[in-house]
């Protein structure tokens, strides 16, 4: 099974291995180049010092021949001083002196690679030079001068075997360091991969539990990085689902009660009429009650259907006066207002405020807000509907002086299936879906809806429609 842990571990270990191999190749090349160039530079420095010493110390005989004894003494001294192998040759490649038995006596000392030194160039070469040297050597050539005249050259050599041994030691040291780095890096990658995959695996298991209907499952947040933030978001999601489930169950319970009560009443009245226990003069009265209850059920069913279809409903835009819409809607509540002795007022900054929107849907928004206010404002209360316009939006508010809404309920009052504080539900004909419908209809117009309330100080519902929608 290809888990995230396995994929991540393979990816990171593969990346580490490739990186270490490339690093090893580069370091090997650098080590070889650096040690070789360092040895060449050391030999060149030694050649310069040898040249300086011999330039002041060479003694010419009466026939212009170099004093061999003095030269051999100087060579021996230089051998001890620089720990290098020295050859002194004349301009015609005759051996003048040596501190070691380096060359093959059976071959002439001349070689093409050595020729440039007699023209004043510094040279470096390696190997046996076609058998000239008895073993592979790294050799540098440095011209010897007497005044401005080249009188010979010093060849300073170092064993290639010794150099290769040094390079090999450095290779092994580098390999050991890379091996330790690989072990430490592999351990860190393993721990890191575990730390990332473990919470993801736990979230996957928790998601399965939640999908099964158990919303109590929570993640333990152990870090503040992206994985920890994901765990926090998962917990918030679980809490939201749990709350939605609680609201859904409460809604189903309330809905069942709201459906069962009118059905029970309707069945009782119809049974009484059918049995003939209802006096003939009251049959019409009881049929009216049955009709009211049936209308209540139809409205409840329509509200539930509307909530489920809101997000799929398209807007039928038209130009209309929002203030005129509000006046007509408020006038439709005069019978209820008269029955409860309520005062209904409309206050508009302008006589007319034109808007491009869906007339029927905004009428329903206003109707639901005013209907809520009429239901929950006590007798003798007051309801005020206002409109205001600024540079960005048209604002509509419905304010009452009723009992208000608690701060806790205000956080969820626009959520589906939420019915709020039971003390506000004394009006049994409400479905509890009016405000969710308001929220969805306003949102469909690109607006926002909000509530402001304190218990005992009334309630203010308001919504806004962006001004760019207006003409």
Protein backbone atom coordinates (compact mmCIF):
# COMPACT_ATOMS: atom_id res chain seq x y z
CA UNK A 1 0.00 0.00 0.00
CA UNK A 2 1.47 3.35 -1.06
CA UNK A 3 1.12 5.48 2.04
CA UNK A 4 2.11 9.12 2.34
CA UNK A 5 4.83 8.09 4.79
CA UNK A 6 6.35 5.62 2.34
CA UNK A 7 6.17 8.02 -0.60
CA UNK A 8 7.65 10.85 1.40
CA UNK A 9 10.38 8.62 2.87
CA UNK A 10 11.38 7.28 -0.56
CA UNK A 11 11.33 10.77 -2.06
CA UNK A 12 13.45 12.32 0.68
CA UNK A 13 15.89 9.41 0.91
CA UNK A 14 16.26 9.37 -2.86
CA UNK A 15 16.91 13.11 -2.88
CA UNK A 16 19.44 12.71 -0.05
CA UNK A 17 21.20 9.83 -1.82
CA UNK A 18 21.45 11.70 -5.14
CA UNK A 19 22.67 14.82 -3.35
CA UNK A 20 25.33 12.90 -1.40
CA UNK A 21 26.53 11.05 -4.52
CA UNK A 22 26.84 14.29 -6.46
CA UNK A 23 28.54 15.92 -3.49
CA UNK A 24 30.93 12.97 -3.21
CA UNK A 25 31.84 13.18 -6.90
CA UNK A 26 32.40 16.92 -6.72
CA UNK A 27 34.41 16.67 -3.49
CA UNK A 28 36.54 13.85 -4.94
CA UNK A 29 37.36 15.93 -7.98
CA UNK A 30 38.08 18.96 -5.85
CA UNK A 31 40.28 16.97 -3.48
CA UNK A 32 42.27 15.46 -6.33
CA UNK A 33 42.67 18.80 -8.07
CA UNK A 34 43.46 20.69 -4.88
CA UNK A 35 46.07 18.25 -3.54
CA UNK A 36 47.72 17.92 -6.94
CA UNK A 37 47.88 21.66 -7.50
CA UNK A 38 49.04 22.17 -3.93
CA UNK A 39 51.88 19.68 -4.42
CA UNK A 40 52.80 21.31 -7.75
CA UNK A 41 52.86 24.74 -6.10
CA UNK A 42 54.98 23.40 -3.25
CA UNK A 43 57.45 21.95 -5.73
CA UNK A 44 57.53 25.22 -7.69
CA UNK A 45 58.22 27.15 -4.50
CA UNK A 46 60.99 24.74 -3.70
CA UNK A 47 62.40 25.17 -7.21
CA UNK A 48 62.42 28.94 -6.78
CA UNK A 49 64.31 28.66 -3.54
CA UNK A 50 66.75 26.19 -5.05
CA UNK A 51 67.29 28.55 -7.99
CA UNK A 52 67.90 31.46 -5.62
CA UNK A 53 70.39 29.49 -3.57
CA UNK A 54 72.28 28.20 -6.57
CA UNK A 55 72.36 31.54 -8.33
CA UNK A 56 74.54 32.88 -5.51
CA UNK A 57 76.41 29.73 -4.69
CA UNK A 58 77.44 28.19 -8.03
CA UNK A 59 81.20 28.26 -8.49
CA UNK A 60 82.72 28.15 -11.96
CA UNK A 61 85.97 26.39 -12.55
CA UNK A 62 88.80 27.80 -14.61
CA UNK A 63 87.22 26.46 -17.84
CA UNK A 64 83.66 27.63 -17.05
CA UNK A 65 82.47 24.27 -15.70
CA UNK A 66 80.18 24.15 -12.62
CA UNK A 67 81.82 22.96 -9.44
CA UNK A 68 80.18 19.53 -8.97
CA UNK A 69 81.24 19.03 -5.37
CA UNK A 70 79.68 22.28 -4.27
CA UNK A 71 76.53 21.50 -6.21
CA UNK A 72 76.18 18.07 -4.62
CA UNK A 73 76.48 19.66 -1.20
CA UNK A 74 73.76 22.15 -2.06
CA UNK A 75 71.54 19.38 -3.46
CA UNK A 76 71.91 17.32 -0.30
CA UNK A 77 71.06 20.37 1.76
CA UNK A 78 67.97 21.07 -0.35
CA UNK A 79 66.89 17.44 -0.09
CA UNK A 80 66.84 17.71 3.69
CA UNK A 81 65.22 21.13 3.60
CA UNK A 82 62.29 20.39 1.24
CA UNK A 83 61.88 16.61 1.53
CA UNK A 84 61.79 16.43 -2.27
CA UNK A 85 63.77 14.63 -4.95
CA UNK A 86 66.08 16.93 -6.89
CA UNK A 87 67.85 16.68 -10.21
CA UNK A 88 70.20 19.30 -11.60
CA UNK A 89 70.69 19.23 -15.35
CA UNK A 90 72.69 21.39 -17.75
CA UNK A 91 71.22 23.12 -20.79
CA UNK A 92 72.11 20.09 -22.94
CA UNK A 93 70.38 17.76 -20.42
CA UNK A 94 73.52 16.39 -18.88
CA UNK A 95 73.05 15.27 -15.29
CA UNK A 96 74.93 17.63 -12.99
CA UNK A 97 73.80 16.31 -9.61
CA UNK A 98 71.08 14.37 -7.84
CA UNK A 99 69.96 13.57 -4.33
CA UNK A 100 68.36 10.29 -5.37
CA UNK A 101 68.77 7.59 -7.92
CA UNK A 102 65.74 8.71 -9.92
CA UNK A 103 66.58 8.23 -13.57
CA UNK A 104 67.17 5.26 -15.83
CA UNK A 105 70.85 5.34 -16.78
CA UNK A 106 70.08 3.47 -19.97
CA UNK A 107 68.06 6.38 -21.43
CA UNK A 108 69.11 9.94 -22.28
CA UNK A 109 67.86 12.52 -19.80
CA UNK A 110 66.16 14.59 -22.54
CA UNK A 111 62.40 14.36 -23.03
CA UNK A 112 60.01 16.62 -25.00
CA UNK A 113 58.07 17.49 -21.82
CA UNK A 114 61.30 18.81 -20.25
CA UNK A 115 62.46 20.87 -23.24
CA UNK A 116 60.51 24.12 -22.43
CA UNK A 117 62.35 24.58 -19.12
CA UNK A 118 65.57 25.36 -21.00
CA UNK A 119 63.76 28.20 -22.73
CA UNK A 120 62.90 29.80 -19.42
CA UNK A 121 59.44 28.24 -18.82
CA UNK A 122 58.19 26.55 -15.70
CA UNK A 123 56.88 23.06 -16.37
CA UNK A 124 55.03 20.33 -14.51
CA UNK A 125 54.52 16.77 -15.65
CA UNK A 126 53.79 13.38 -14.19
CA UNK A 127 54.50 9.72 -14.84
CA UNK A 128 57.74 7.97 -15.87
CA UNK A 129 58.19 10.06 -19.05
CA UNK A 130 58.46 6.99 -21.29
CA UNK A 131 60.64 5.13 -18.80
CA UNK A 132 63.02 8.02 -18.09
CA UNK A 133 62.16 7.90 -14.39
CA UNK A 134 62.35 4.70 -12.39
CA UNK A 135 58.87 5.23 -10.91
CA UNK A 136 55.89 7.52 -11.61
CA UNK A 137 56.74 10.99 -10.35
CA UNK A 138 55.13 14.41 -10.21
CA UNK A 139 57.86 16.64 -11.55
CA UNK A 140 58.26 20.39 -11.91
CA UNK A 141 61.06 22.07 -13.82
CA UNK A 142 62.54 25.40 -12.80
CA UNK A 143 65.24 27.13 -14.91
CA UNK A 144 68.58 27.99 -13.28
CA UNK A 145 70.06 31.34 -14.24
CA UNK A 146 73.42 33.00 -13.90
CA UNK A 147 72.59 36.64 -14.41
CA UNK A 148 70.35 36.74 -17.49
CA UNK A 149 71.68 33.49 -18.89
CA UNK A 150 70.02 30.09 -18.38
CA UNK A 151 72.75 27.70 -17.29
CA UNK A 152 70.60 24.67 -16.45
CA UNK A 153 67.47 23.56 -14.67
CA UNK A 154 66.37 22.00 -11.40
CA UNK A 155 63.87 19.16 -11.61
CA UNK A 156 62.04 18.61 -8.33
CA UNK A 157 59.94 15.49 -8.07
CA UNK A 158 57.48 13.92 -5.68
CA UNK A 159 56.33 10.31 -5.71
CA UNK A 160 52.96 9.84 -7.40
CA UNK A 161 52.34 6.86 -5.12
CA UNK A 162 52.71 9.06 -2.07
CA UNK A 163 50.37 11.65 -3.61
CA UNK A 164 47.82 9.00 -4.52
CA UNK A 165 47.99 7.61 -0.98
CA UNK A 166 47.25 11.07 0.38
CA UNK A 167 44.36 11.53 -2.04
CA UNK A 168 43.00 8.07 -1.16
CA UNK A 169 43.10 8.94 2.55
CA UNK A 170 41.16 12.10 1.82
CA UNK A 171 38.67 10.08 -0.27
CA UNK A 172 38.05 7.70 2.61
CA UNK A 173 37.70 10.57 5.06
CA UNK A 174 35.18 12.23 2.74
CA UNK A 175 33.34 8.95 2.24
CA UNK A 176 33.15 8.44 6.01
CA UNK A 177 31.81 11.96 6.50
CA UNK A 178 29.20 11.44 3.78
CA UNK A 179 28.23 8.11 5.34
CA UNK A 180 27.71 9.73 8.73
CA UNK A 181 25.72 12.53 7.04
CA UNK A 182 23.61 9.90 5.25
CA UNK A 183 22.82 8.09 8.51
CA UNK A 184 21.96 11.28 10.38
CA UNK A 185 19.97 12.64 7.41
CA UNK A 186 18.13 9.33 6.97
CA UNK A 187 17.17 9.28 10.66
CA UNK A 188 15.96 12.89 10.51
CA UNK A 189 14.00 12.16 7.32
CA UNK A 190 12.38 9.13 8.94
CA UNK A 191 11.36 11.11 12.03
CA UNK A 192 10.15 14.05 9.89
CA UNK A 193 8.15 11.80 7.58
CA UNK A 194 6.55 10.11 10.57
CA UNK A 195 5.70 13.43 12.19
CA UNK A 196 3.95 14.59 9.00
CA UNK A 197 2.23 11.35 8.01
CA UNK A 198 1.04 10.38 11.51
CA UNK A 199 -1.43 13.27 11.96
CA UNK A 200 -2.60 12.86 8.36
CA UNK A 201 -3.28 9.19 9.00
CA UNK A 202 -5.07 10.08 12.22
CA UNK A 203 -7.15 12.65 10.36
CA UNK A 204 -8.04 10.03 7.77
CA UNK A 205 -9.17 7.66 10.50
CA UNK A 206 -11.07 10.44 12.26
CA UNK A 207 -12.76 11.39 8.98
CA UNK A 208 -13.95 7.81 8.61
CA UNK A 209 -15.33 7.89 12.14
CA UNK A 210 -17.12 11.20 11.50
CA UNK A 211 -18.43 9.91 8.17
CA UNK A 212 -19.96 7.07 10.17
CA UNK A 213 -21.97 9.58 12.21
CA UNK A 214 -19.77 9.96 15.31
CA UNK A 215 -18.99 13.68 15.56
CA UNK A 216 -17.17 13.45 18.91
CA UNK A 217 -13.81 12.58 17.33
CA UNK A 218 -11.10 15.26 17.68
CA UNK A 219 -7.49 15.63 16.60
CA UNK A 220 -4.68 16.35 19.04
CA UNK A 221 -2.82 19.47 17.84
CA UNK A 222 0.90 18.95 18.46
CA UNK A 223 2.47 21.67 16.30
CA UNK A 224 1.82 25.15 14.96
CA UNK A 225 2.89 24.45 11.38
CA UNK A 226 0.64 23.76 8.39
CA UNK A 227 -0.11 20.24 9.64
CA UNK A 228 -1.07 21.61 13.05
CA UNK A 229 -3.25 24.25 11.41
CA UNK A 230 -4.88 21.51 9.33
CA UNK A 231 -5.60 19.57 12.53
CA UNK A 232 -7.16 22.69 14.07
CA UNK A 233 -9.28 23.22 10.95
CA UNK A 234 -10.32 19.57 11.11
CA UNK A 235 -11.41 20.02 14.73
CA UNK A 236 -13.35 23.17 13.81
CA UNK A 237 -15.02 21.23 11.02
CA UNK A 238 -15.91 18.41 13.41
CA UNK A 239 -17.30 20.91 15.90
CA UNK A 240 -19.33 22.55 13.14
CA UNK A 241 -20.67 19.20 11.98
CA UNK A 242 -21.50 18.27 15.53
CA UNK A 243 -23.35 21.52 16.03
CA UNK A 244 -25.14 21.11 12.71
CA UNK A 245 -26.13 17.60 13.73
CA UNK A 246 -27.44 18.91 17.04
CA UNK A 247 -29.42 21.63 15.24
CA UNK A 248 -30.65 19.12 12.66
CA UNK A 249 -31.91 16.78 15.34
CA UNK A 250 -33.55 19.64 17.20
CA UNK A 251 -35.10 20.83 13.94
CA UNK A 252 -36.41 17.35 13.14
CA UNK A 253 -37.85 17.12 16.64
CA UNK A 254 -39.50 20.54 16.30
CA UNK A 255 -40.61 19.77 12.76
CA UNK A 256 -42.10 16.48 13.86
CA UNK A 257 -43.96 18.32 16.61
CA UNK A 258 -45.08 21.06 14.20
CA UNK A 259 -46.38 18.45 11.76
CA UNK A 260 -47.85 16.07 14.30
CA UNK A 261 -49.80 18.77 16.20
CA UNK A 262 -51.84 20.09 13.25
CA UNK A 263 -52.31 16.60 11.85
CA UNK A 264 -53.60 15.40 15.19
CA UNK A 265 -55.96 18.37 15.42
CA UNK A 266 -57.14 17.92 11.85
CA UNK A 267 -57.71 14.20 12.37
CA UNK A 268 -59.60 14.85 15.59
CA UNK A 269 -61.88 17.48 14.09
CA UNK A 270 -62.53 15.44 10.95
CA UNK A 271 -63.22 12.34 13.06
CA UNK A 272 -65.66 14.31 15.17
CA UNK A 273 -67.42 15.64 12.07
CA UNK A 274 -67.53 12.17 10.55
CA UNK A 275 -68.91 10.68 13.76
CA UNK A 276 -71.60 13.33 13.93
CA UNK A 277 -70.51 14.51 17.37
CA UNK A 278 -70.07 18.07 16.12
CA UNK A 279 -73.28 20.12 16.04
CA UNK A 280 -74.26 21.04 12.47
CA UNK A 281 -74.00 24.77 13.22
CA UNK A 282 -70.29 24.35 14.18
CA UNK A 283 -69.22 22.16 11.29
CA UNK A 284 -68.24 25.17 9.21
CA UNK A 285 -66.19 26.56 12.15
CA UNK A 286 -64.23 23.32 12.59
CA UNK A 287 -63.67 22.98 8.87
CA UNK A 288 -62.17 26.48 8.97
CA UNK A 289 -59.74 25.30 11.68
CA UNK A 290 -58.82 22.29 9.57
CA UNK A 291 -58.21 24.60 6.59
CA UNK A 292 -55.95 26.86 8.70
CA UNK A 293 -53.94 23.89 9.89
CA UNK A 294 -53.60 22.59 6.35
CA UNK A 295 -52.38 26.02 5.21
CA UNK A 296 -49.83 25.91 8.00
CA UNK A 297 -48.57 22.53 6.82
CA UNK A 298 -48.39 23.74 3.22
CA UNK A 299 -46.37 26.80 4.29
CA UNK A 300 -44.03 24.61 6.33
CA UNK A 301 -43.50 22.26 3.38
CA UNK A 302 -42.90 25.20 1.04
CA UNK A 303 -40.33 26.70 3.42
CA UNK A 304 -38.43 23.43 3.60
CA UNK A 305 -38.50 23.10 -0.18
CA UNK A 306 -37.38 26.71 -0.62
CA UNK A 307 -34.40 26.23 1.68
CA UNK A 308 -33.27 23.17 -0.28
CA UNK A 309 -33.62 24.95 -3.64
CA UNK A 310 -32.31 28.41 -2.74
CA UNK A 311 -28.77 27.92 -4.05
CA UNK A 312 -30.08 26.62 -7.37
CA UNK A 313 -32.59 29.44 -7.91
CA UNK A 314 -31.68 32.10 -10.48
CA UNK A 315 -32.63 35.74 -10.06
CA UNK A 316 -35.22 37.41 -12.25
CA UNK A 317 -33.86 40.96 -12.29
CA UNK A 318 -36.07 43.98 -12.86
CA UNK A 319 -36.10 47.69 -11.97
CA UNK A 320 -38.38 48.71 -9.11
CA UNK A 321 -38.74 51.08 -6.18
CA UNK A 322 -37.62 49.31 -3.00
CA UNK A 323 -39.55 51.81 -0.84
CA UNK A 324 -42.78 51.02 -2.68
CA UNK A 325 -42.17 47.30 -2.17
CA UNK A 326 -41.70 47.87 1.56
CA UNK A 327 -44.88 49.95 1.87
CA UNK A 328 -46.99 47.26 0.20
CA UNK A 329 -45.43 44.51 2.32
CA UNK A 330 -45.94 46.39 5.59
CA UNK A 331 -49.57 47.17 4.69
CA UNK A 332 -50.24 43.43 4.36
CA UNK A 333 -49.59 43.10 8.12
CA UNK A 334 -52.26 45.58 9.20
CA UNK A 335 -54.70 42.84 10.36
CA UNK A 336 -52.05 41.28 12.65
CA UNK A 337 -50.92 44.70 13.84
CA UNK A 338 -54.47 45.71 14.66
CA UNK A 339 -55.06 42.43 16.51
CA UNK A 340 -51.95 42.97 18.71
CA UNK A 341 -52.29 46.75 18.84
CA UNK A 342 -48.86 47.20 17.15
CA UNK A 343 -47.51 50.39 15.62
CA UNK A 344 -45.98 49.90 12.16
CA UNK A 345 -43.87 52.76 10.76
CA UNK A 346 -41.94 53.23 7.51
CA UNK A 347 -39.13 55.78 7.42
CA UNK A 348 -37.37 56.50 4.14
CA UNK A 349 -34.60 58.99 3.49
CA UNK A 350 -35.86 59.39 -0.09
CA UNK A 351 -39.36 59.13 -1.44
CA UNK A 352 -38.12 56.59 -4.01
CA UNK A 353 -35.00 54.40 -4.22
CA UNK A 354 -34.74 52.47 -7.46
CA UNK A 355 -33.12 49.06 -7.44
CA UNK A 356 -32.34 46.36 -9.96
CA UNK A 357 -33.04 43.04 -8.28
CA UNK A 358 -35.48 40.15 -8.05
CA UNK A 359 -38.73 41.77 -6.89
CA UNK A 360 -40.41 38.63 -5.53
CA UNK A 361 -37.35 37.45 -3.62
CA UNK A 362 -36.70 40.82 -1.98
CA UNK A 363 -40.40 41.06 -1.15
CA UNK A 364 -40.05 37.73 0.62
CA UNK A 365 -36.99 39.00 2.51
CA UNK A 366 -38.90 42.04 3.78
CA UNK A 367 -41.99 39.92 4.49
CA UNK A 368 -40.03 37.38 6.56
CA UNK A 369 -38.30 40.09 8.63
CA UNK A 370 -41.52 42.00 9.32
CA UNK A 371 -43.36 38.71 9.99
CA UNK A 372 -40.73 37.75 12.59
CA UNK A 373 -41.08 41.13 14.27
CA UNK A 374 -44.89 40.90 14.35
CA UNK A 375 -44.75 37.40 15.83
CA UNK A 376 -42.36 38.13 18.66
CA UNK A 377 -43.16 41.74 19.61
CA UNK A 378 -45.56 41.85 22.57
CA UNK A 379 -48.92 43.59 22.36
CA UNK A 380 -48.66 47.35 22.08
CA UNK A 381 -45.16 47.12 20.61
CA UNK A 382 -43.60 49.13 17.81
CA UNK A 383 -41.95 48.09 14.53
CA UNK A 384 -40.00 50.49 12.33
CA UNK A 385 -38.85 49.74 8.78
CA UNK A 386 -36.20 52.09 7.37
CA UNK A 387 -34.12 52.51 4.23
CA UNK A 388 -30.83 54.35 3.84
CA UNK A 389 -28.49 54.82 0.91
CA UNK A 390 -24.73 55.37 0.90
CA UNK A 391 -22.10 55.32 -1.84
CA UNK A 392 -21.97 51.53 -1.92
CA UNK A 393 -25.29 50.01 -0.87
CA UNK A 394 -28.97 50.40 -0.15
CA UNK A 395 -29.69 49.41 3.45
CA UNK A 396 -33.02 48.15 4.77
CA UNK A 397 -33.63 47.62 8.48
CA UNK A 398 -36.51 46.25 10.55
CA UNK A 399 -36.38 47.25 14.22
CA UNK A 400 -38.70 46.28 17.06
CA UNK A 401 -38.87 46.90 20.79
CA UNK A 402 -39.53 43.29 21.73
CA UNK A 403 -37.67 40.95 24.08
CA UNK A 404 -34.51 40.73 21.94
CA UNK A 405 -32.22 37.82 21.10
CA UNK A 406 -29.39 36.44 23.21
CA UNK A 407 -25.78 36.80 21.99
CA UNK A 408 -25.45 33.02 21.77
CA UNK A 409 -28.49 32.69 19.51
CA UNK A 410 -27.30 35.57 17.32
CA UNK A 411 -24.30 33.45 16.29
CA UNK A 412 -26.56 30.79 14.77
CA UNK A 413 -29.87 32.43 14.07
CA UNK A 414 -29.29 32.46 10.31
CA UNK A 415 -28.24 28.81 10.21
CA UNK A 416 -30.54 26.21 8.76
CA UNK A 417 -32.42 24.03 11.21
CA UNK A 418 -31.86 26.50 14.07
CA UNK A 419 -34.90 27.61 16.02
CA UNK A 420 -33.25 29.63 18.77
CA UNK A 421 -34.21 30.12 22.38
CA UNK A 422 -37.37 28.14 23.18
CA UNK A 423 -38.70 31.23 24.99
CA UNK A 424 -38.93 32.91 21.56
CA UNK A 425 -40.90 30.03 20.13
CA UNK A 426 -44.17 30.71 21.87
CA UNK A 427 -45.57 31.48 18.44
CA UNK A 428 -46.06 27.93 17.31
CA UNK A 429 -46.83 28.63 13.64
CA UNK A 430 -43.21 29.48 12.81
CA UNK A 431 -41.18 26.94 10.85
CA UNK A 432 -37.80 28.24 11.98
CA UNK A 433 -36.70 28.62 8.35
CA UNK A 434 -37.56 32.25 7.73
CA UNK A 435 -34.17 33.74 8.59
CA UNK A 436 -32.10 31.14 6.69
CA UNK A 437 -34.25 31.97 3.64
CA UNK A 438 -33.58 35.68 4.20
CA UNK A 439 -29.82 35.06 4.38
CA UNK A 440 -29.73 33.01 1.18
CA UNK A 441 -31.89 35.44 -0.80
CA UNK A 442 -29.80 38.46 0.25
CA UNK A 443 -26.58 36.57 -0.46
CA UNK A 444 -27.87 35.72 -3.93
CA UNK A 445 -28.09 39.49 -4.58
CA UNK A 446 -24.50 39.99 -3.41
CA UNK A 447 -25.61 41.58 -0.15
CA UNK A 448 -25.23 40.92 3.57
CA UNK A 449 -27.68 40.49 6.42
CA UNK A 450 -26.99 41.06 10.12
CA UNK A 451 -28.68 41.28 13.48
CA UNK A 452 -28.16 43.56 16.48
CA UNK A 453 -29.92 42.85 19.73
CA UNK A 454 -29.72 42.79 23.50
CA UNK A 455 -32.11 40.86 25.66
CA UNK A 456 -34.96 43.11 26.77
CA UNK A 457 -33.98 45.93 24.40
CA UNK A 458 -35.55 44.85 21.13
CA UNK A 459 -34.00 43.62 17.93
CA UNK A 460 -32.67 45.15 14.69
CA UNK A 461 -32.44 43.07 11.50
CA UNK A 462 -30.89 44.73 8.47
CA UNK A 463 -29.73 43.80 5.00
CA UNK A 464 -27.88 45.64 2.24
CA UNK A 465 -27.85 45.38 -1.55
CA UNK A 466 -24.76 46.67 -3.44
CA UNK A 467 -25.41 50.05 -5.10
CA UNK A 468 -24.04 48.82 -8.42
CA UNK A 469 -27.17 46.75 -8.70
CA UNK A 470 -29.29 49.89 -8.62
CA UNK A 471 -30.21 52.20 -11.52
